[in-house]
């Protein structure tokens, strides 16, 4: 995780009730250093017994004789999980761990070290760094293990295993990914992909719908720190990945593979991966925003059936004038408002951020604004004003950064359209989305637009295990934070 974002994500935050971390991942240490009071890798939980499963390369351990029964219960669940996630999706087969658990199998521990929760992590004994298990496979993968405290279970062992095992597969794909939604959203989605109708995406999806201003790659820690909003946002981002998978035919594994780089050079961002896979990440983001804004209506995409948590509307605007949103927007975030003006309405965006879109929920259309950041729509209407990507946006480090400076939306009655009329070929031309997706993904091999400007931001280097050490992805510590 980029060192410049570690303080924003972790420092001084109080964890929500039920959110726990293993000793190796407690807050308070500098990135790349062991936790306070520890001078070496603390290792895995103790194992007083284990059982090997012949059908799949997994060893199940317990650190208390009373916990042995949980390995018996876990076996049939794990056979389903392995088939669904490794054989059918497919994620990569987990790496062998060179004997950390006694042999080369993937290890599951039922242990009090789970601290009333669960966590998944790779071993990192060498300087608190992860090690790329295969330096020739084109991705940054390591061998992970998972730990579950049986005291956290409430007839939901199946969900814990489906979720945490997916993190093992993610670690085998790209341990460098710094933003949390690809991790937690994918693991929540994997629950549903393993056992349809039994996942937790509807529970967590409410948090995602409640904070659309937060952006594509934000998380509940940032929302808590900045706005005191208690949120499971990163878990609820399964809503996004379901749209990518069911609406565009692009699997979550495609996204992970497209964003992975060999070793510790994390140069390909999630936003880059979306450009490659969809052909136009800006258009895709607006399409996603339209799809989620239709949830709870008769026009919602079928893959959201049974989920009726509508999008959060920040304000109702009843007269022309300037509007400054109370919340956000963050990079790649959307501010939704109901505009109760019965007329043609001109929107002008005044912002240092120079790439915006309009999601017209009422008309079910999306428009990328031209260079003057101006557009016209017919009121009354429910609209979302979306921050799109720029050449300066680096989602490896700007994933929970508010749009720089104050952003003002000016809405006036448009008796005549004073907005700039884009010339032929200008990116300000209106784009229309139908939320149905891109079929075959459309843009395989496409790259996001670039120009001669150097990337902006905090100026830190891309992530490497040496930069984040033990603090990598601490929210993998608990699957369900109830």
Foldseek 3Di string as FASTA:
>chain_A
DFQVCPCLQAPPFDDFFLQDFFQQADDDDAFLATDPPDDFFPADDDFPDWDADPVAQEIEGEPDPVCPVVVVVCPVLVVLLCCQDPVPLDFPDFFFQPQSVHGRGAYEYAYCSLVLFKFKDADQGDSLFFDQPDLPPFFRAGAMHMYGHVNNDDPPPSLRCQLRVVLRSLNGGYLQQAFQLLNQLVSQLSSCSSPPPPGCLLVQLLLQQAFLLQALGHAQSNCCVPPVDRHGNSNNSVLVQCLCCQQAVQHSSQLSNLQGGRAFARDRHSLFSLCQQQVDSQVVLLLSVLLQQCALHPLHDPVCPPRRNHHHAQEEAEAFFKDFGPDFRAARGKHKYFYAYQAKKKKFKDAPQQWKKKQFNVVQFIFTAFRRRMDIDGDRTIMIITRYDDQQDDCLARSRPGRPDTMMIGMHHCPDDPGDDDDPPTSRGTGTDDSNHNHNSPRNRGGDDHDDDDHDDDPTHRGGSSNRRSNRPRSSSHSDND
